[in-house]
Amino acid sequence: SVVAYGADNLGGREAAGGEWSVQLVGLCEAVRPSDGELLLF
């Protein structure tokens, strides 16, 4: 499906330098991450 994903720093202590929000929209698919990607998680 086409999904939207959003993240932000709204209302957090880290927002002292300004607040932001990001939204991405795109096709979502199941994946098997590489070992390196699993380490990043």
PDB file of all heavy atoms in Angstrom:
ATOM      1  N   SER A   1       0.826  -1.205   0.000  1.00  0.00           N
ATOM      2  CA  SER A   1       0.000   0.000   0.000  1.00  0.00           C
ATOM      3  C   SER A   1       0.860   1.255   0.000  1.00  0.00           C
ATOM      4  O   SER A   1       2.023   1.224   0.398  1.00  0.00           O
ATOM      5  CB  SER A   1      -0.877   0.050   1.259  1.00  0.00           C
ATOM      6  OG  SER A   1      -1.763  -1.026   1.290  1.00  0.00           O
ATOM      7  N   VAL A   2       0.261   2.349  -0.417  1.00  0.00           N
ATOM      8  CA  VAL A   2       0.896   3.648  -0.260  1.00  0.00           C
ATOM      9  C   VAL A   2       0.618   4.079   1.179  1.00  0.00           C
ATOM     10  O   VAL A   2      -0.531   4.046   1.632  1.00  0.00           O
ATOM     11  CB  VAL A   2       0.338   4.681  -1.256  1.00  0.00           C
ATOM     12  CG1 VAL A   2       0.881   6.066  -0.959  1.00  0.00           C
ATOM     13  CG2 VAL A   2       0.683   4.252  -2.680  1.00  0.00           C
ATOM     14  N   VAL A   3       1.672   4.421   1.891  1.00  0.00           N
ATOM     15  CA  VAL A   3       1.554   4.820   3.290  1.00  0.00           C
ATOM     16  C   VAL A   3       2.210   6.179   3.485  1.00  0.00           C
ATOM     17  O   VAL A   3       3.000   6.634   2.655  1.00  0.00           O
ATOM     18  CB  VAL A   3       2.209   3.795   4.242  1.00  0.00           C
ATOM     19  CG1 VAL A   3       1.593   2.408   4.070  1.00  0.00           C
ATOM     20  CG2 VAL A   3       3.712   3.741   4.044  1.00  0.00           C
ATOM     21  N   ALA A   4       1.885   6.805   4.582  1.00  0.00           N
ATOM     22  CA  ALA A   4       2.576   8.019   5.012  1.00  0.00           C
ATOM     23  C   ALA A   4       3.336   7.671   6.284  1.00  0.00           C
ATOM     24  O   ALA A   4       2.853   6.888   7.109  1.00  0.00           O
ATOM     25  CB  ALA A   4       1.580   9.141   5.280  1.00  0.00           C
ATOM     26  N   TYR A   5       4.520   8.237   6.417  1.00  0.00           N
ATOM     27  CA  TYR A   5       5.311   8.056   7.632  1.00  0.00           C
ATOM     28  C   TYR A   5       5.724   9.426   8.111  1.00  0.00           C
ATOM     29  O   TYR A   5       6.207  10.248   7.326  1.00  0.00           O
ATOM     30  CB  TYR A   5       6.548   7.198   7.361  1.00  0.00           C
ATOM     31  CG  TYR A   5       7.320   6.897   8.623  1.00  0.00           C
ATOM     32  CD1 TYR A   5       6.878   5.910   9.504  1.00  0.00           C
ATOM     33  CD2 TYR A   5       8.463   7.601   8.955  1.00  0.00           C
ATOM     34  CE1 TYR A   5       7.568   5.633  10.670  1.00  0.00           C
ATOM     35  CE2 TYR A   5       9.150   7.328  10.119  1.00  0.00           C
ATOM     36  CZ  TYR A   5       8.706   6.338  10.975  1.00  0.00           C
ATOM     37  OH  TYR A   5       9.388   6.071  12.137  1.00  0.00           O
ATOM     38  N   GLY A   6       5.517   9.681   9.380  1.00  0.00           N
ATOM     39  CA  GLY A   6       5.872  10.972   9.938  1.00  0.00           C
ATOM     40  C   GLY A   6       6.669  10.832  11.202  1.00  0.00           C
ATOM     41  O   GLY A   6       6.483   9.893  11.981  1.00  0.00           O
ATOM     42  N   ALA A   7       7.578  11.761  11.405  1.00  0.00           N
ATOM     43  CA  ALA A   7       8.354  11.866  12.634  1.00  0.00           C
ATOM     44  C   ALA A   7       8.561  13.351  12.905  1.00  0.00           C
ATOM     45  O   ALA A   7       8.495  14.177  11.984  1.00  0.00           O
ATOM     46  CB  ALA A   7       9.688  11.139  12.507  1.00  0.00           C
ATOM     47  N   ASP A   8       8.813  13.694  14.163  1.00  0.00           N
ATOM     48  CA  ASP A   8       8.978  15.097  14.519  1.00  0.00           C
ATOM     49  C   ASP A   8       9.681  15.228  15.856  1.00  0.00           C
ATOM     50  O   ASP A   8       9.990  14.239  16.507  1.00  0.00           O
ATOM     51  CB  ASP A   8       7.609  15.790  14.584  1.00  0.00           C
ATOM     52  CG  ASP A   8       6.677  15.140  15.593  1.00  0.00           C
ATOM     53  OD1 ASP A   8       7.012  15.116  16.804  1.00  0.00           O
ATOM     54  OD2 ASP A   8       5.608  14.654  15.184  1.00  0.00           O
ATOM     55  N   ASN A   9       9.917  16.471  16.241  1.00  0.00           N
ATOM     56  CA  ASN A   9      10.444  16.761  17.573  1.00  0.00           C
ATOM     57  C   ASN A   9       9.494  17.690  18.318  1.00  0.00           C
ATOM     58  O   ASN A   9       9.892  18.385  19.245  1.00  0.00           O
ATOM     59  CB  ASN A   9      11.851  17.360  17.494  1.00  0.00           C
ATOM     60  CG  ASN A   9      11.852  18.795  17.005  1.00  0.00           C
ATOM     61  OD1 ASN A   9      10.889  19.262  16.391  1.00  0.00           O
ATOM     62  ND2 ASN A   9      12.933  19.513  17.265  1.00  0.00           N
ATOM     63  N   LEU A  10       8.248  17.709  17.935  1.00  0.00           N
ATOM     64  CA  LEU A  10       7.268  18.622  18.508  1.00  0.00           C
ATOM     65  C   LEU A  10       7.049  18.331  19.990  1.00  0.00           C
ATOM     66  O   LEU A  10       6.824  17.192  20.378  1.00  0.00           O
ATOM     67  CB  LEU A  10       5.941  18.520  17.755  1.00  0.00           C
ATOM     68  CG  LEU A  10       6.028  18.792  16.255  1.00  0.00           C
ATOM     69  CD1 LEU A  10       4.681  18.562  15.598  1.00  0.00           C
ATOM     70  CD2 LEU A  10       6.538  20.186  15.986  1.00  0.00           C
ATOM     71  N   GLY A  11       7.140  19.372  20.775  1.00  0.00           N
ATOM     72  CA  GLY A  11       6.880  19.243  22.201  1.00  0.00           C
ATOM     73  C   GLY A  11       7.999  18.630  23.011  1.00  0.00           C
ATOM     74  O   GLY A  11       7.868  18.465  24.208  1.00  0.00           O
ATOM     75  N   GLY A  12       9.106  18.309  22.397  1.00  0.00           N
ATOM     76  CA  GLY A  12      10.208  17.695  23.131  1.00  0.00           C
ATOM     77  C   GLY A  12      11.240  18.717  23.581  1.00  0.00           C
ATOM     78  O   GLY A  12      11.286  19.835  23.090  1.00  0.00           O
ATOM     79  N   ARG A  13      12.052  18.315  24.517  1.00  0.00           N
ATOM     80  CA  ARG A  13      13.113  19.206  24.995  1.00  0.00           C
ATOM     81  C   ARG A  13      14.092  19.559  23.881  1.00  0.00           C
ATOM     82  O   ARG A  13      14.647  20.636  23.863  1.00  0.00           O
ATOM     83  CB  ARG A  13      13.870  18.550  26.150  1.00  0.00           C
ATOM     84  CG  ARG A  13      13.064  18.519  27.426  1.00  0.00           C
ATOM     85  CD  ARG A  13      13.851  17.851  28.501  1.00  0.00           C
ATOM     86  NE  ARG A  13      13.900  16.431  28.147  1.00  0.00           N
ATOM     87  CZ  ARG A  13      14.714  15.557  28.677  1.00  0.00           C
ATOM     88  NH1 ARG A  13      15.578  15.914  29.585  1.00  0.00           N
ATOM     89  NH2 ARG A  13      14.685  14.299  28.318  1.00  0.00           N
ATOM     90  N   GLU A  14      14.278  18.641  22.951  1.00  0.00           N
ATOM     91  CA  GLU A  14      15.222  18.881  21.856  1.00  0.00           C
ATOM     92  C   GLU A  14      14.727  19.937  20.878  1.00  0.00           C
ATOM     93  O   GLU A  14      15.426  20.310  19.958  1.00  0.00           O
ATOM     94  CB  GLU A  14      15.539  17.570  21.122  1.00  0.00           C
ATOM     95  CG  GLU A  14      14.369  16.970  20.367  1.00  0.00           C
ATOM     96  CD  GLU A  14      13.439  16.088  21.193  1.00  0.00           C
ATOM     97  OE1 GLU A  14      13.540  16.062  22.423  1.00  0.00           O
ATOM     98  OE2 GLU A  14      12.588  15.418  20.593  1.00  0.00           O
ATOM     99  N   ALA A  15      13.515  20.447  21.061  1.00  0.00           N
ATOM    100  CA  ALA A  15      12.948  21.430  20.145  1.00  0.00           C
ATOM    101  C   ALA A  15      13.401  22.856  20.463  1.00  0.00           C
ATOM    102  O   ALA A  15      12.924  23.792  19.841  1.00  0.00           O
ATOM    103  CB  ALA A  15      11.428  21.355  20.167  1.00  0.00           C
ATOM    104  N   ALA A  16      14.331  23.039  21.404  1.00  0.00           N
ATOM    105  CA  ALA A  16      14.755  24.384  21.798  1.00  0.00           C
ATOM    106  C   ALA A  16      15.275  25.199  20.612  1.00  0.00           C
ATOM    107  O   ALA A  16      15.103  26.406  20.567  1.00  0.00           O
ATOM    108  CB  ALA A  16      15.820  24.298  22.884  1.00  0.00           C
ATOM    109  N   GLY A  17      15.884  24.567  19.627  1.00  0.00           N
ATOM    110  CA  GLY A  17      16.399  25.267  18.462  1.00  0.00           C
ATOM    111  C   GLY A  17      15.387  25.396  17.340  1.00  0.00           C
ATOM    112  O   GLY A  17      15.703  25.901  16.270  1.00  0.00           O
ATOM    113  N   GLY A  18      14.188  24.953  17.568  1.00  0.00           N
ATOM    114  CA  GLY A  18      13.145  25.006  16.553  1.00  0.00           C
ATOM    115  C   GLY A  18      12.478  23.656  16.408  1.00  0.00           C
ATOM    116  O   GLY A  18      13.088  22.614  16.615  1.00  0.00           O
ATOM    117  N   GLU A  19      11.224  23.692  16.080  1.00  0.00           N
ATOM    118  CA  GLU A  19      10.471  22.454  15.911  1.00  0.00           C
ATOM    119  C   GLU A  19      10.440  22.061  14.438  1.00  0.00           C
ATOM    120  O   GLU A  19      10.510  22.913  13.564  1.00  0.00           O
ATOM    121  CB  GLU A  19       9.046  22.642  16.438  1.00  0.00           C
ATOM    122  CG  GLU A  19       9.009  22.898  17.928  1.00  0.00           C
ATOM    123  CD  GLU A  19       7.612  23.153  18.444  1.00  0.00           C
ATOM    124  OE1 GLU A  19       6.804  23.781  17.718  1.00  0.00           O
ATOM    125  OE2 GLU A  19       7.328  22.729  19.563  1.00  0.00           O
ATOM    126  N   TRP A  20      10.332  20.770  14.184  1.00  0.00           N
ATOM    127  CA  TRP A  20      10.267  20.284  12.816  1.00  0.00           C
ATOM    128  C   TRP A  20       9.368  19.057  12.751  1.00  0.00           C
ATOM    129  O   TRP A  20       9.169  18.360  13.733  1.00  0.00           O
ATOM    130  CB  TRP A  20      11.653  19.958  12.264  1.00  0.00           C
ATOM    131  CG  TRP A  20      12.407  18.927  13.057  1.00  0.00           C
ATOM    132  CD1 TRP A  20      13.323  19.163  14.054  1.00  0.00           C
ATOM    133  CD2 TRP A  20      12.309  17.497  12.938  1.00  0.00           C
ATOM    134  NE1 TRP A  20      13.781  17.970  14.554  1.00  0.00           N
ATOM    135  CE2 TRP A  20      13.185  16.936  13.888  1.00  0.00           C
ATOM    136  CE3 TRP A  20      11.560  16.655  12.132  1.00  0.00           C
ATOM    137  CZ2 TRP A  20      13.341  15.565  14.045  1.00  0.00           C
ATOM    138  CZ3 TRP A  20      11.706  15.277  12.290  1.00  0.00           C
ATOM    139  CH2 TRP A  20      12.599  14.749  13.234  1.00  0.00           C
ATOM    140  N   SER A  21       8.847  18.823  11.568  1.00  0.00           N
ATOM    141  CA  SER A  21       8.136  17.581  11.278  1.00  0.00           C
ATOM    142  C   SER A  21       8.454  17.179   9.847  1.00  0.00           C
ATOM    143  O   SER A  21       8.652  18.031   8.980  1.00  0.00           O
ATOM    144  CB  SER A  21       6.627  17.721  11.497  1.00  0.00           C
ATOM    145  OG  SER A  21       6.081  18.613  10.557  1.00  0.00           O
ATOM    146  N   VAL A  22       8.527  15.892   9.639  1.00  0.00           N
ATOM    147  CA  VAL A  22       8.832  15.326   8.328  1.00  0.00           C
ATOM    148  C   VAL A  22       7.756  14.302   8.007  1.00  0.00           C
ATOM    149  O   VAL A  22       7.355  13.526   8.869  1.00  0.00           O
ATOM    150  CB  VAL A  22      10.216  14.628   8.333  1.00  0.00           C
ATOM    151  CG1 VAL A  22      10.445  13.857   7.038  1.00  0.00           C
ATOM    152  CG2 VAL A  22      11.324  15.628   8.569  1.00  0.00           C
ATOM    153  N   GLN A  23       7.282  14.332   6.774  1.00  0.00           N
ATOM    154  CA  GLN A  23       6.346  13.317   6.307  1.00  0.00           C
ATOM    155  C   GLN A  23       6.843  12.786   4.970  1.00  0.00           C
ATOM    156  O   GLN A  23       7.204  13.555   4.087  1.00  0.00           O
ATOM    157  CB  GLN A  23       4.944  13.881   6.126  1.00  0.00           C
ATOM    158  CG  GLN A  23       3.970  12.852   5.583  1.00  0.00           C
ATOM    159  CD  GLN A  23       2.575  13.408   5.436  1.00  0.00           C
ATOM    160  OE1 GLN A  23       1.968  13.776   6.417  1.00  0.00           O
ATOM    161  NE2 GLN A  23       2.082  13.457   4.213  1.00  0.00           N
ATOM    162  N   LEU A  24       6.873  11.468   4.854  1.00  0.00           N
ATOM    163  CA  LEU A  24       7.222  10.802   3.600  1.00  0.00           C
ATOM    164  C   LEU A  24       6.010  10.002   3.160  1.00  0.00           C
ATOM    165  O   LEU A  24       5.327   9.406   3.991  1.00  0.00           O
ATOM    166  CB  LEU A  24       8.376   9.818   3.794  1.00  0.00           C
ATOM    167  CG  LEU A  24       9.700  10.380   4.275  1.00  0.00           C
ATOM    168  CD1 LEU A  24       9.809  10.233   5.763  1.00  0.00           C
ATOM    169  CD2 LEU A  24      10.810   9.650   3.593  1.00  0.00           C
ATOM    170  N   VAL A  25       5.761   9.961   1.880  1.00  0.00           N
ATOM    171  CA  VAL A  25       4.666   9.166   1.329  1.00  0.00           C
ATOM    172  C   VAL A  25       5.249   8.301   0.225  1.00  0.00           C
ATOM    173  O   VAL A  25       5.991   8.781  -0.634  1.00  0.00           O
ATOM    174  CB  VAL A  25       3.538  10.064   0.770  1.00  0.00           C
ATOM    175  CG1 VAL A  25       2.458   9.218   0.114  1.00  0.00           C
ATOM    176  CG2 VAL A  25       2.959  10.929   1.873  1.00  0.00           C
ATOM    177  N   GLY A  26       4.923   7.023   0.274  1.00  0.00           N
ATOM    178  CA  GLY A  26       5.421   6.133  -0.758  1.00  0.00           C
ATOM    179  C   GLY A  26       4.900   4.722  -0.585  1.00  0.00           C
ATOM    180  O   GLY A  26       4.184   4.404   0.371  1.00  0.00           O
ATOM    181  N   LEU A  27       5.279   3.878  -1.517  1.00  0.00           N
ATOM    182  CA  LEU A  27       4.870   2.477  -1.508  1.00  0.00           C
ATOM    183  C   LEU A  27       5.659   1.731  -0.446  1.00  0.00           C
ATOM    184  O   LEU A  27       6.873   1.887  -0.329  1.00  0.00           O
ATOM    185  CB  LEU A  27       5.108   1.850  -2.883  1.00  0.00           C
ATOM    186  CG  LEU A  27       4.626   0.420  -3.053  1.00  0.00           C
ATOM    187  CD1 LEU A  27       3.113   0.326  -2.866  1.00  0.00           C
ATOM    188  CD2 LEU A  27       5.014  -0.100  -4.423  1.00  0.00           C
ATOM    189  N   CYS A  28       4.971   0.895   0.307  1.00  0.00           N
ATOM    190  CA  CYS A  28       5.576   0.134   1.397  1.00  0.00           C
ATOM    191  C   CYS A  28       5.676  -1.334   0.990  1.00  0.00           C
ATOM    192  O   CYS A  28       4.734  -1.889   0.399  1.00  0.00           O
ATOM    193  CB  CYS A  28       4.716   0.280   2.643  1.00  0.00           C
ATOM    194  SG  CYS A  28       5.382  -0.525   4.101  1.00  0.00           S
ATOM    195  N   GLU A  29       6.807  -1.942   1.311  1.00  0.00           N
ATOM    196  CA  GLU A  29       6.980  -3.358   1.016  1.00  0.00           C
ATOM    197  C   GLU A  29       7.719  -4.040   2.163  1.00  0.00           C
ATOM    198  O   GLU A  29       8.482  -3.396   2.886  1.00  0.00           O
ATOM    199  CB  GLU A  29       7.731  -3.560  -0.296  1.00  0.00           C
ATOM    200  CG  GLU A  29       9.122  -2.966  -0.311  1.00  0.00           C
ATOM    201  CD  GLU A  29       9.802  -3.091  -1.667  1.00  0.00           C
ATOM    202  OE1 GLU A  29       9.460  -3.977  -2.459  1.00  0.00           O
ATOM    203  OE2 GLU A  29      10.692  -2.289  -1.917  1.00  0.00           O
ATOM    204  N   ALA A  30       7.467  -5.320   2.333  1.00  0.00           N
ATOM    205  CA  ALA A  30       8.182  -6.105   3.333  1.00  0.00           C
ATOM    206  C   ALA A  30       9.597  -6.360   2.825  1.00  0.00           C
ATOM    207  O   ALA A  30       9.800  -6.565   1.614  1.00  0.00           O
ATOM    208  CB  ALA A  30       7.461  -7.428   3.583  1.00  0.00           C
ATOM    209  N   VAL A  31      10.559  -6.329   3.730  1.00  0.00           N
ATOM    210  CA  VAL A  31      11.953  -6.566   3.352  1.00  0.00           C
ATOM    211  C   VAL A  31      12.637  -7.434   4.401  1.00  0.00           C
ATOM    212  O   VAL A  31      12.180  -7.547   5.533  1.00  0.00           O
ATOM    213  CB  VAL A  31      12.750  -5.249   3.189  1.00  0.00           C
ATOM    214  CG1 VAL A  31      12.230  -4.429   2.029  1.00  0.00           C
ATOM    215  CG2 VAL A  31      12.766  -4.445   4.466  1.00  0.00           C
ATOM    216  N   ARG A  32      13.738  -7.992   3.981  1.00  0.00           N
ATOM    217  CA  ARG A  32      14.635  -8.685   4.906  1.00  0.00           C
ATOM    218  C   ARG A  32      15.885  -7.815   4.990  1.00  0.00           C
ATOM    219  O   ARG A  32      16.655  -7.734   4.027  1.00  0.00           O
ATOM    220  CB  ARG A  32      14.969 -10.070   4.385  1.00  0.00           C
ATOM    221  CG  ARG A  32      15.846 -10.832   5.316  1.00  0.00           C
ATOM    222  CD  ARG A  32      16.228 -12.183   4.736  1.00  0.00           C
ATOM    223  NE  ARG A  32      17.042 -12.874   5.697  1.00  0.00           N
ATOM    224  CZ  ARG A  32      16.764 -14.064   6.182  1.00  0.00           C
ATOM    225  NH1 ARG A  32      15.714 -14.706   5.757  1.00  0.00           N
ATOM    226  NH2 ARG A  32      17.555 -14.615   7.063  1.00  0.00           N
ATOM    227  N   PRO A  33      16.104  -7.146   6.125  1.00  0.00           N
ATOM    228  CA  PRO A  33      17.253  -6.241   6.225  1.00  0.00           C
ATOM    229  C   PRO A  33      18.572  -7.004   6.217  1.00  0.00           C
ATOM    230  O   PRO A  33      18.640  -8.167   6.625  1.00  0.00           O
ATOM    231  CB  PRO A  33      17.058  -5.529   7.565  1.00  0.00           C
ATOM    232  CG  PRO A  33      15.879  -6.130   8.205  1.00  0.00           C
ATOM    233  CD  PRO A  33      15.297  -7.163   7.314  1.00  0.00           C
ATOM    234  N   SER A  34      19.602  -6.311   5.745  1.00  0.00           N
ATOM    235  CA  SER A  34      20.949  -6.882   5.778  1.00  0.00           C
ATOM    236  C   SER A  34      21.443  -6.901   7.222  1.00  0.00           C
ATOM    237  O   SER A  34      20.862  -6.254   8.109  1.00  0.00           O
ATOM    238  CB  SER A  34      21.894  -6.031   4.918  1.00  0.00           C
ATOM    239  OG  SER A  34      22.092  -4.765   5.544  1.00  0.00           O
ATOM    240  N   ASP A  35      22.523  -7.605   7.462  1.00  0.00           N
ATOM    241  CA  ASP A  35      23.118  -7.629   8.803  1.00  0.00           C
ATOM    242  C   ASP A  35      23.503  -6.227   9.251  1.00  0.00           C
ATOM    243  O   ASP A  35      23.304  -5.866  10.409  1.00  0.00           O
ATOM    244  CB  ASP A  35      24.336  -8.548   8.842  1.00  0.00           C
ATOM    245  CG  ASP A  35      23.967 -10.029   8.696  1.00  0.00           C
ATOM    246  OD1 ASP A  35      22.775 -10.376   8.912  1.00  0.00           O
ATOM    247  OD2 ASP A  35      24.858 -10.829   8.366  1.00  0.00           O
ATOM    248  N   GLY A  36      24.032  -5.424   8.333  1.00  0.00           N
ATOM    249  CA  GLY A  36      24.406  -4.049   8.664  1.00  0.00           C
ATOM    250  C   GLY A  36      23.196  -3.204   9.039  1.00  0.00           C
ATOM    251  O   GLY A  36      23.265  -2.382   9.958  1.00  0.00           O
ATOM    252  N   GLU A  37      22.101  -3.396   8.333  1.00  0.00           N
ATOM    253  CA  GLU A  37      20.876  -2.656   8.645  1.00  0.00           C
ATOM    254  C   GLU A  37      20.320  -3.073  10.004  1.00  0.00           C
ATOM    255  O   GLU A  37      19.864  -2.239  10.791  1.00  0.00           O
ATOM    256  CB  GLU A  37      19.844  -2.848   7.535  1.00  0.00           C
ATOM    257  CG  GLU A  37      20.254  -2.162   6.245  1.00  0.00           C
ATOM    258  CD  GLU A  37      19.474  -2.611   5.031  1.00  0.00           C
ATOM    259  OE1 GLU A  37      18.795  -3.668   5.072  1.00  0.00           O
ATOM    260  OE2 GLU A  37      19.540  -1.902   4.015  1.00  0.00           O
ATOM    261  N   LEU A  38      20.391  -4.371  10.308  1.00  0.00           N
ATOM    262  CA  LEU A  38      19.930  -4.832  11.615  1.00  0.00           C
ATOM    263  C   LEU A  38      20.748  -4.198  12.737  1.00  0.00           C
ATOM    264  O   LEU A  38      20.203  -3.831  13.783  1.00  0.00           O
ATOM    265  CB  LEU A  38      19.999  -6.357  11.702  1.00  0.00           C
ATOM    266  CG  LEU A  38      18.962  -7.104  10.863  1.00  0.00           C
ATOM    267  CD1 LEU A  38      19.250  -8.609  10.863  1.00  0.00           C
ATOM    268  CD2 LEU A  38      17.560  -6.827  11.359  1.00  0.00           C
ATOM    269  N   LEU A  39      22.053  -4.036  12.506  1.00  0.00           N
ATOM    270  CA  LEU A  39      22.896  -3.364  13.504  1.00  0.00           C
ATOM    271  C   LEU A  39      22.465  -1.919  13.701  1.00  0.00           C
ATOM    272  O   LEU A  39      22.465  -1.411  14.824  1.00  0.00           O
ATOM    273  CB  LEU A  39      24.364  -3.419  13.100  1.00  0.00           C
ATOM    274  CG  LEU A  39      25.055  -4.770  13.278  1.00  0.00           C
ATOM    275  CD1 LEU A  39      26.460  -4.732  12.673  1.00  0.00           C
ATOM    276  CD2 LEU A  39      25.104  -5.160  14.744  1.00  0.00           C
ATOM    277  N   LEU A  40      22.088  -1.245  12.616  1.00  0.00           N
ATOM    278  CA  LEU A  40      21.632   0.139  12.721  1.00  0.00           C
ATOM    279  C   LEU A  40      20.342   0.241  13.546  1.00  0.00           C
ATOM    280  O   LEU A  40      20.139   1.218  14.268  1.00  0.00           O
ATOM    281  CB  LEU A  40      21.408   0.746  11.339  1.00  0.00           C
ATOM    282  CG  LEU A  40      22.656   1.019  10.502  1.00  0.00           C
ATOM    283  CD1 LEU A  40      22.268   1.470   9.097  1.00  0.00           C
ATOM    284  CD2 LEU A  40      23.530   2.055  11.180  1.00  0.00           C
ATOM    285  N   PHE A  41      19.482  -0.750  13.442  1.00  0.00           N
ATOM    286  CA  PHE A  41      18.252  -0.743  14.229  1.00  0.00           C
ATOM    287  C   PHE A  41      18.541  -0.881  15.722  1.00  0.00           C
ATOM    288  O   PHE A  41      17.805  -0.371  16.546  1.00  0.00           O
ATOM    289  CB  PHE A  41      17.304  -1.877  13.803  1.00  0.00           C
ATOM    290  CG  PHE A  41      16.390  -1.522  12.675  1.00  0.00           C
ATOM    291  CD1 PHE A  41      16.526  -2.129  11.442  1.00  0.00           C
ATOM    292  CD2 PHE A  41      15.364  -0.606  12.846  1.00  0.00           C
ATOM    293  CE1 PHE A  41      15.670  -1.828  10.394  1.00  0.00           C
ATOM    294  CE2 PHE A  41      14.501  -0.296  11.806  1.00  0.00           C
ATOM    295  CZ  PHE A  41      14.658  -0.907  10.585  1.00  0.00           C
TER     296      PHE A  41
END
